Amino acid sequence: MRATDFLKPTTLLFLLLASEISKGQESGRPIEGATGGAYQPNQSSALSDLKPGIRMHLDPYGKPCVSVAAYSHPKTDFGKIFGAEHKIFASDEYEHMITARNHCSQMIKLKVCYSDTRNCVTVDLPSYGNQRASLGISSDQEFRYQYTEQF
């Protein structure tokens, strides 16, 4: 038996282990949420209740560093503000907003998307800071979103 015959299975095992380690560097499964009237899955923010596959930054007490909420508001129609009409808001269009809060000392980057789509925005949360971002505009007032923390 030659030494190279022995190394082939070992090399294969090493490559498999390396691919599993690199999979661990991904952001994991997204955390889901919704505005008031939209369906929101039962997902607790307590660390003991989290499902496997969700990765998040934790504070020294084991609590998630990031909290994310969503809301929508009527889109301002600037043409009607400066025109002859008195109607300020276009009632058939809503801007979907995401607000995120970081209560940890490290900067955290989020990728926030509409649920089950690739329509996403990135949010850079400074340490101990807040950030708002517009996810999009729609005729629906309620919407669902999901986010992942980037590592």
N, C-alpha and C. Protein backbone atom coordinates (compact mmCIF):
# COMPACT_ATOMS: atom_id res chain seq x y z
N MET A 1 0.85 -1.18 0.00
CA MET A 1 0.00 0.00 0.00
C MET A 1 0.89 1.24 0.00
N ARG A 2 0.60 2.15 -0.91
CA ARG A 2 1.37 3.39 -1.00
C ARG A 2 0.79 4.44 -0.07
N ALA A 3 1.61 5.42 0.29
CA ALA A 3 1.17 6.50 1.18
C ALA A 3 0.09 7.34 0.54
N THR A 4 0.10 7.48 -0.77
CA THR A 4 -0.90 8.31 -1.44
C THR A 4 -2.28 7.65 -1.39
N ASP A 5 -2.34 6.29 -1.36
CA ASP A 5 -3.63 5.60 -1.24
C ASP A 5 -4.26 5.87 0.13
N PHE A 6 -3.45 6.02 1.15
CA PHE A 6 -3.96 6.30 2.49
C PHE A 6 -4.45 7.75 2.61
N LEU A 7 -3.81 8.66 1.91
CA LEU A 7 -4.16 10.08 2.03
C LEU A 7 -5.44 10.44 1.31
N LYS A 8 -5.83 9.69 0.31
CA LYS A 8 -7.02 10.05 -0.46
C LYS A 8 -8.28 10.07 0.41
N PRO A 9 -8.61 9.04 1.20
CA PRO A 9 -9.80 9.14 2.04
C PRO A 9 -9.67 10.23 3.11
N THR A 10 -8.47 10.45 3.60
CA THR A 10 -8.25 11.49 4.61
C THR A 10 -8.49 12.87 3.99
N THR A 11 -8.01 13.06 2.78
CA THR A 11 -8.22 14.33 2.09
C THR A 11 -9.71 14.56 1.85
N LEU A 12 -10.43 13.51 1.46
CA LEU A 12 -11.87 13.62 1.25
C LEU A 12 -12.58 13.99 2.55
N LEU A 13 -12.20 13.36 3.64
CA LEU A 13 -12.79 13.67 4.94
C LEU A 13 -12.51 15.11 5.33
N PHE A 14 -11.28 15.58 5.10
CA PHE A 14 -10.93 16.96 5.40
C PHE A 14 -11.78 17.94 4.60
N LEU A 15 -11.99 17.65 3.31
CA LEU A 15 -12.80 18.54 2.48
C LEU A 15 -14.25 18.58 2.95
N LEU A 16 -14.78 17.43 3.38
CA LEU A 16 -16.15 17.41 3.91
C LEU A 16 -16.26 18.22 5.20
N LEU A 17 -15.28 18.08 6.09
CA LEU A 17 -15.29 18.85 7.33
C LEU A 17 -15.15 20.35 7.05
N ALA A 18 -14.33 20.72 6.10
CA ALA A 18 -14.15 22.13 5.75
C ALA A 18 -15.43 22.71 5.19
N SER A 19 -16.16 21.93 4.41
CA SER A 19 -17.42 22.46 3.86
C SER A 19 -18.46 22.63 4.95
N GLU A 20 -18.48 21.74 5.95
CA GLU A 20 -19.41 21.88 7.06
C GLU A 20 -19.07 23.10 7.92
N ILE A 21 -17.78 23.36 8.12
CA ILE A 21 -17.37 24.53 8.89
C ILE A 21 -17.76 25.80 8.15
N SER A 22 -17.58 25.84 6.82
CA SER A 22 -17.94 27.05 6.07
C SER A 22 -19.44 27.25 6.06
N LYS A 23 -20.23 26.17 6.12
CA LYS A 23 -21.68 26.34 6.20
C LYS A 23 -22.06 27.00 7.51
N GLY A 24 -21.30 26.77 8.55
CA GLY A 24 -21.58 27.39 9.84
C GLY A 24 -21.35 28.89 9.84
N GLN A 25 -20.63 29.43 8.86
CA GLN A 25 -20.37 30.85 8.79
C GLN A 25 -21.52 31.61 8.13
N GLU A 26 -22.48 30.91 7.54
CA GLU A 26 -23.62 31.58 6.92
C GLU A 26 -24.51 32.18 8.00
N SER A 27 -25.43 33.01 7.59
CA SER A 27 -26.27 33.73 8.54
C SER A 27 -27.33 32.85 9.18
N GLY A 28 -27.64 31.73 8.62
CA GLY A 28 -28.63 30.85 9.21
C GLY A 28 -30.03 31.17 8.70
N ARG A 29 -30.98 30.55 9.35
CA ARG A 29 -32.38 30.70 8.98
C ARG A 29 -32.88 32.07 9.38
N PRO A 30 -33.78 32.69 8.59
CA PRO A 30 -34.25 34.03 8.92
C PRO A 30 -35.25 34.02 10.08
N ILE A 31 -35.34 35.15 10.76
CA ILE A 31 -36.33 35.39 11.79
C ILE A 31 -37.48 36.13 11.13
N GLU A 32 -38.70 35.72 11.39
CA GLU A 32 -39.85 36.29 10.70
C GLU A 32 -40.65 37.22 11.60
N GLY A 33 -41.33 38.16 10.98
CA GLY A 33 -42.19 39.09 11.69
C GLY A 33 -43.23 39.66 10.75
N ALA A 34 -44.12 40.48 11.29
CA ALA A 34 -45.19 41.07 10.49
C ALA A 34 -45.71 42.32 11.18
N THR A 35 -46.41 43.14 10.42
CA THR A 35 -47.10 44.27 11.02
C THR A 35 -48.37 43.76 11.68
N GLY A 36 -49.07 44.62 12.39
CA GLY A 36 -50.21 44.27 13.23
C GLY A 36 -51.18 43.23 12.72
N GLY A 37 -51.82 43.45 11.57
CA GLY A 37 -52.87 42.55 11.11
C GLY A 37 -52.40 41.39 10.28
N ALA A 38 -51.17 41.39 9.83
CA ALA A 38 -50.66 40.30 8.99
C ALA A 38 -50.31 39.10 9.86
N TYR A 39 -50.39 37.92 9.26
CA TYR A 39 -50.06 36.69 9.97
C TYR A 39 -48.63 36.74 10.45
N GLN A 40 -48.43 36.42 11.72
CA GLN A 40 -47.08 36.38 12.27
C GLN A 40 -46.86 35.00 12.88
N PRO A 41 -45.84 34.28 12.44
CA PRO A 41 -45.58 32.96 12.99
C PRO A 41 -45.22 33.04 14.47
N ASN A 42 -45.49 31.96 15.19
CA ASN A 42 -45.13 31.90 16.60
C ASN A 42 -43.63 31.69 16.71
N GLN A 43 -42.94 32.74 17.03
CA GLN A 43 -41.49 32.68 17.16
C GLN A 43 -41.10 33.52 18.35
N SER A 44 -40.62 32.87 19.38
CA SER A 44 -40.26 33.56 20.61
C SER A 44 -38.87 34.14 20.50
N SER A 45 -38.62 35.23 21.22
CA SER A 45 -37.28 35.80 21.21
C SER A 45 -36.43 35.26 22.36
N ALA A 46 -37.02 34.42 23.21
CA ALA A 46 -36.23 33.82 24.28
C ALA A 46 -35.27 32.80 23.69
N LEU A 47 -34.04 32.82 24.14
CA LEU A 47 -33.00 31.96 23.58
C LEU A 47 -33.36 30.49 23.71
N SER A 48 -34.00 30.10 24.80
CA SER A 48 -34.33 28.68 24.99
C SER A 48 -35.42 28.22 24.04
N ASP A 49 -36.23 29.15 23.51
CA ASP A 49 -37.32 28.78 22.61
C ASP A 49 -36.94 28.86 21.14
N LEU A 50 -35.75 29.36 20.82
CA LEU A 50 -35.37 29.52 19.42
C LEU A 50 -35.21 28.17 18.75
N LYS A 51 -35.59 28.13 17.49
CA LYS A 51 -35.46 26.90 16.73
C LYS A 51 -34.03 26.79 16.22
N PRO A 52 -33.54 25.57 16.01
CA PRO A 52 -32.18 25.42 15.51
C PRO A 52 -32.03 26.06 14.13
N GLY A 53 -30.85 26.56 13.86
CA GLY A 53 -30.58 27.15 12.56
C GLY A 53 -30.65 28.66 12.55
N ILE A 54 -31.19 29.28 13.59
CA ILE A 54 -31.26 30.73 13.65
C ILE A 54 -30.03 31.22 14.39
N ARG A 55 -29.21 32.03 13.71
CA ARG A 55 -28.01 32.59 14.33
C ARG A 55 -28.26 34.05 14.63
N MET A 56 -27.84 34.48 15.80
CA MET A 56 -27.99 35.88 16.17
C MET A 56 -26.92 36.27 17.16
N HIS A 57 -26.63 37.57 17.19
CA HIS A 57 -25.69 38.11 18.16
C HIS A 57 -26.38 38.15 19.51
N LEU A 58 -25.64 37.79 20.56
CA LEU A 58 -26.19 37.75 21.90
C LEU A 58 -25.41 38.66 22.82
N ASP A 59 -26.11 39.24 23.81
CA ASP A 59 -25.43 40.06 24.80
C ASP A 59 -24.82 39.15 25.87
N PRO A 60 -24.12 39.70 26.85
CA PRO A 60 -23.49 38.85 27.87
C PRO A 60 -24.47 38.03 28.70
N TYR A 61 -25.75 38.41 28.69
CA TYR A 61 -26.76 37.67 29.45
C TYR A 61 -27.48 36.62 28.60
N GLY A 62 -27.07 36.48 27.35
CA GLY A 62 -27.67 35.48 26.47
C GLY A 62 -28.93 35.94 25.76
N LYS A 63 -29.24 37.21 25.82
CA LYS A 63 -30.43 37.76 25.14
C LYS A 63 -30.01 38.28 23.77
N PRO A 64 -30.93 38.25 22.80
CA PRO A 64 -30.60 38.77 21.47
C PRO A 64 -30.26 40.26 21.52
N CYS A 65 -29.25 40.67 20.77
CA CYS A 65 -28.82 42.07 20.72
C CYS A 65 -29.78 42.94 19.92
N VAL A 66 -30.45 42.35 18.95
CA VAL A 66 -31.24 43.11 17.99
C VAL A 66 -32.73 42.88 18.20
N SER A 67 -33.49 43.96 18.15
CA SER A 67 -34.95 43.84 18.10
C SER A 67 -35.41 44.59 16.85
N VAL A 68 -36.31 43.98 16.10
CA VAL A 68 -36.78 44.54 14.84
C VAL A 68 -38.30 44.64 14.89
N ALA A 69 -38.82 45.76 14.41
CA ALA A 69 -40.26 45.96 14.31
C ALA A 69 -40.56 46.56 12.94
N ALA A 70 -41.83 46.51 12.56
CA ALA A 70 -42.23 47.02 11.26
C ALA A 70 -43.52 47.81 11.39
N TYR A 71 -43.70 48.77 10.51
CA TYR A 71 -44.93 49.53 10.44
C TYR A 71 -45.07 50.08 9.03
N SER A 72 -46.26 50.54 8.72
CA SER A 72 -46.48 51.16 7.42
C SER A 72 -47.21 52.48 7.64
N HIS A 73 -46.96 53.42 6.74
CA HIS A 73 -47.68 54.69 6.80
C HIS A 73 -48.01 55.11 5.38
N PRO A 74 -49.08 55.90 5.24
CA PRO A 74 -49.47 56.34 3.89
C PRO A 74 -48.35 57.11 3.23
N LYS A 75 -48.16 56.85 1.96
CA LYS A 75 -47.10 57.51 1.20
C LYS A 75 -47.53 58.94 0.91
N THR A 76 -46.63 59.86 1.10
CA THR A 76 -46.91 61.26 0.83
C THR A 76 -46.91 61.51 -0.68
N ASP A 77 -47.94 62.16 -1.16
CA ASP A 77 -48.05 62.50 -2.57
C ASP A 77 -47.68 63.97 -2.72
N PHE A 78 -46.43 64.25 -3.04
CA PHE A 78 -45.94 65.63 -3.11
C PHE A 78 -46.60 66.42 -4.23
N GLY A 79 -47.07 65.75 -5.26
CA GLY A 79 -47.77 66.46 -6.34
C GLY A 79 -49.05 67.09 -5.84
N LYS A 80 -49.73 66.41 -4.91
CA LYS A 80 -50.97 66.95 -4.38
C LYS A 80 -50.70 68.00 -3.30
N ILE A 81 -49.52 67.94 -2.65
CA ILE A 81 -49.20 68.95 -1.65
C ILE A 81 -49.02 70.31 -2.32
N PHE A 82 -48.31 70.33 -3.45
CA PHE A 82 -48.02 71.58 -4.12
C PHE A 82 -49.06 71.93 -5.18
N GLY A 83 -50.01 71.05 -5.40
CA GLY A 83 -51.06 71.31 -6.38
C GLY A 83 -52.27 71.99 -5.75
N ALA A 84 -53.37 71.99 -6.49
CA ALA A 84 -54.58 72.68 -6.04
C ALA A 84 -55.39 71.84 -5.07
N GLU A 85 -55.18 70.54 -5.04
CA GLU A 85 -55.99 69.69 -4.17
C GLU A 85 -55.52 69.80 -2.72
N HIS A 86 -56.43 69.54 -1.79
CA HIS A 86 -56.11 69.63 -0.38
C HIS A 86 -55.72 68.29 0.22
N LYS A 87 -55.83 67.23 -0.55
CA LYS A 87 -55.50 65.89 -0.06
C LYS A 87 -53.98 65.73 -0.03
N ILE A 88 -53.42 65.47 1.15
CA ILE A 88 -51.97 65.36 1.29
C ILE A 88 -51.48 63.94 1.07
N PHE A 89 -52.19 62.95 1.56
CA PHE A 89 -51.72 61.56 1.49
C PHE A 89 -52.44 60.80 0.39
N ALA A 90 -51.69 59.97 -0.30
CA ALA A 90 -52.28 59.06 -1.26
C ALA A 90 -52.71 57.82 -0.49
N SER A 91 -53.99 57.65 -0.27
CA SER A 91 -54.47 56.61 0.63
C SER A 91 -54.32 55.20 0.06
N ASP A 92 -54.01 55.07 -1.22
CA ASP A 92 -53.91 53.74 -1.80
C ASP A 92 -52.48 53.22 -1.85
N GLU A 93 -51.51 53.98 -1.35
CA GLU A 93 -50.13 53.52 -1.32
C GLU A 93 -49.55 53.69 0.08
N TYR A 94 -48.86 52.65 0.54
CA TYR A 94 -48.25 52.67 1.87
C TYR A 94 -46.76 52.39 1.75
N GLU A 95 -45.99 53.11 2.52
CA GLU A 95 -44.56 52.85 2.59
C GLU A 95 -44.30 51.89 3.75
N HIS A 96 -43.62 50.81 3.49
CA HIS A 96 -43.34 49.79 4.50
C HIS A 96 -41.98 50.09 5.13
N MET A 97 -41.98 50.29 6.43
CA MET A 97 -40.78 50.70 7.16
C MET A 97 -40.36 49.61 8.14
N ILE A 98 -39.05 49.49 8.31
CA ILE A 98 -38.45 48.59 9.29
C ILE A 98 -37.67 49.46 10.28
N THR A 99 -37.82 49.20 11.55
CA THR A 99 -37.01 49.88 12.55
C THR A 99 -36.31 48.81 13.38
N ALA A 100 -35.02 49.00 13.58
CA ALA A 100 -34.21 48.01 14.30
C ALA A 100 -33.44 48.72 15.41
N ARG A 101 -33.25 48.00 16.52
CA ARG A 101 -32.53 48.54 17.67
C ARG A 101 -31.46 47.55 18.09
N ASN A 102 -30.27 48.06 18.37
CA ASN A 102 -29.13 47.25 18.80
C ASN A 102 -28.74 47.71 20.21
N HIS A 103 -28.80 46.82 21.18
CA HIS A 103 -28.41 47.21 22.54
C HIS A 103 -27.09 46.56 22.96
N CYS A 104 -26.26 46.22 21.98
CA CYS A 104 -24.95 45.64 22.25
C CYS A 104 -23.84 46.58 21.77
N SER A 105 -22.60 46.27 22.16
CA SER A 105 -21.48 47.15 21.88
C SER A 105 -20.85 46.93 20.50
N GLN A 106 -21.33 45.98 19.73
CA GLN A 106 -20.76 45.74 18.42
C GLN A 106 -21.73 46.17 17.32
N MET A 107 -21.19 46.61 16.18
CA MET A 107 -22.02 46.95 15.05
C MET A 107 -22.56 45.66 14.43
N ILE A 108 -23.83 45.66 14.07
CA ILE A 108 -24.46 44.47 13.51
C ILE A 108 -25.10 44.85 12.18
N LYS A 109 -24.91 43.98 11.20
CA LYS A 109 -25.48 44.20 9.87
C LYS A 109 -26.65 43.23 9.69
N LEU A 110 -27.79 43.74 9.25
CA LEU A 110 -28.98 42.93 9.01
C LEU A 110 -29.32 42.92 7.53
N LYS A 111 -29.90 41.83 7.09
CA LYS A 111 -30.49 41.75 5.76
C LYS A 111 -31.98 41.52 5.98
N VAL A 112 -32.79 42.52 5.61
CA VAL A 112 -34.23 42.47 5.85
C VAL A 112 -34.93 42.35 4.50
N CYS A 113 -35.86 41.37 4.41
CA CYS A 113 -36.56 41.10 3.15
C CYS A 113 -38.05 40.98 3.39
N TYR A 114 -38.84 41.20 2.34
CA TYR A 114 -40.22 40.77 2.38
C TYR A 114 -40.20 39.25 2.49
N SER A 115 -41.17 38.67 3.20
CA SER A 115 -41.19 37.21 3.40
C SER A 115 -41.22 36.48 2.07
N ASP A 116 -40.36 35.48 1.98
CA ASP A 116 -40.29 34.57 0.84
C ASP A 116 -40.02 35.28 -0.48
N THR A 117 -39.28 36.39 -0.45
CA THR A 117 -38.87 37.06 -1.68
C THR A 117 -37.39 37.41 -1.59
N ARG A 118 -36.87 37.95 -2.67
CA ARG A 118 -35.49 38.43 -2.68
C ARG A 118 -35.44 39.95 -2.69
N ASN A 119 -36.56 40.59 -2.39
CA ASN A 119 -36.63 42.04 -2.31
C ASN A 119 -36.15 42.44 -0.92
N CYS A 120 -34.86 42.82 -0.82
CA CYS A 120 -34.22 43.01 0.48
C CYS A 120 -33.52 44.36 0.57
N VAL A 121 -33.29 44.78 1.82
CA VAL A 121 -32.45 45.94 2.11
C VAL A 121 -31.47 45.53 3.20
N THR A 122 -30.31 46.19 3.23
CA THR A 122 -29.37 45.95 4.31
C THR A 122 -29.45 47.11 5.29
N VAL A 123 -29.36 46.77 6.56
CA VAL A 123 -29.43 47.76 7.63
C VAL A 123 -28.18 47.61 8.48
N ASP A 124 -27.41 48.67 8.60
CA ASP A 124 -26.22 48.69 9.45
C ASP A 124 -26.60 49.31 10.78
N LEU A 125 -26.59 48.50 11.83
CA LEU A 125 -26.96 48.98 13.16
C LEU A 125 -25.71 49.35 13.94
N PRO A 126 -25.56 50.62 14.29
CA PRO A 126 -24.40 50.98 15.11
C PRO A 126 -24.57 50.44 16.52
N SER A 127 -23.48 50.35 17.25
CA SER A 127 -23.57 49.86 18.62
C SER A 127 -24.45 50.80 19.44
N TYR A 128 -25.32 50.21 20.23
CA TYR A 128 -26.26 50.95 21.07
C TYR A 128 -27.08 51.96 20.27
N GLY A 129 -27.44 51.61 19.04
CA GLY A 129 -28.15 52.56 18.19
C GLY A 129 -29.41 52.00 17.57
N ASN A 130 -30.12 52.88 16.90
CA ASN A 130 -31.35 52.55 16.18
C ASN A 130 -31.15 52.88 14.71
N GLN A 131 -31.95 52.23 13.87
CA GLN A 131 -31.90 52.52 12.45
C GLN A 131 -33.27 52.23 11.85
N ARG A 132 -33.68 53.08 10.91
CA ARG A 132 -34.92 52.86 10.17
C ARG A 132 -34.56 52.70 8.70
N ALA A 133 -35.36 51.89 8.00
CA ALA A 133 -35.15 51.69 6.57
C ALA A 133 -36.49 51.45 5.91
N SER A 134 -36.60 51.91 4.68
CA SER A 134 -37.80 51.67 3.89
C SER A 134 -37.62 50.36 3.14
N LEU A 135 -38.57 49.45 3.35
CA LEU A 135 -38.50 48.15 2.68
C LEU A 135 -39.14 48.23 1.29
N GLY A 136 -40.16 49.05 1.14
CA GLY A 136 -40.80 49.20 -0.16
C GLY A 136 -42.12 49.94 -0.05
N ILE A 137 -42.82 50.03 -1.18
CA ILE A 137 -44.11 50.70 -1.26
C ILE A 137 -45.10 49.73 -1.87
N SER A 138 -46.30 49.67 -1.30
CA SER A 138 -47.32 48.75 -1.78
C SER A 138 -48.70 49.33 -1.51
N SER A 139 -49.70 48.73 -2.15
CA SER A 139 -51.08 49.14 -1.87
C SER A 139 -51.61 48.45 -0.62
N ASP A 140 -50.92 47.43 -0.12
CA ASP A 140 -51.31 46.74 1.10
C ASP A 140 -50.71 47.44 2.31
N GLN A 141 -51.53 47.64 3.32
CA GLN A 141 -51.02 48.28 4.53
C GLN A 141 -50.22 47.30 5.38
N GLU A 142 -50.66 46.06 5.46
CA GLU A 142 -49.99 45.04 6.28
C GLU A 142 -49.00 44.26 5.42
N PHE A 143 -47.91 43.82 6.03
CA PHE A 143 -46.91 43.04 5.29
C PHE A 143 -46.14 42.16 6.26
N ARG A 144 -45.50 41.15 5.69
CA ARG A 144 -44.64 40.24 6.45
C ARG A 144 -43.21 40.43 6.00
N TYR A 145 -42.29 40.24 6.93
CA TYR A 145 -40.87 40.42 6.63
C TYR A 145 -40.08 39.33 7.33
N GLN A 146 -38.84 39.19 6.93
CA GLN A 146 -37.91 38.29 7.60
C GLN A 146 -36.53 38.92 7.55
N TYR A 147 -35.72 38.62 8.56
CA TYR A 147 -34.38 39.18 8.59
C TYR A 147 -33.39 38.16 9.10
N THR A 148 -32.15 38.37 8.66
CA THR A 148 -31.04 37.56 9.14
C THR A 148 -29.92 38.50 9.55
N GLU A 149 -29.21 38.11 10.58
CA GLU A 149 -28.05 38.88 11.03
C GLU A 149 -26.84 38.36 10.27
N GLN A 150 -26.05 39.27 9.73
CA GLN A 150 -24.87 38.90 8.97
C GLN A 150 -23.68 38.73 9.91
N PHE A 151 -22.92 37.66 9.71
CA PHE A 151 -21.76 37.38 10.54
C PHE A 151 -20.50 37.46 9.72
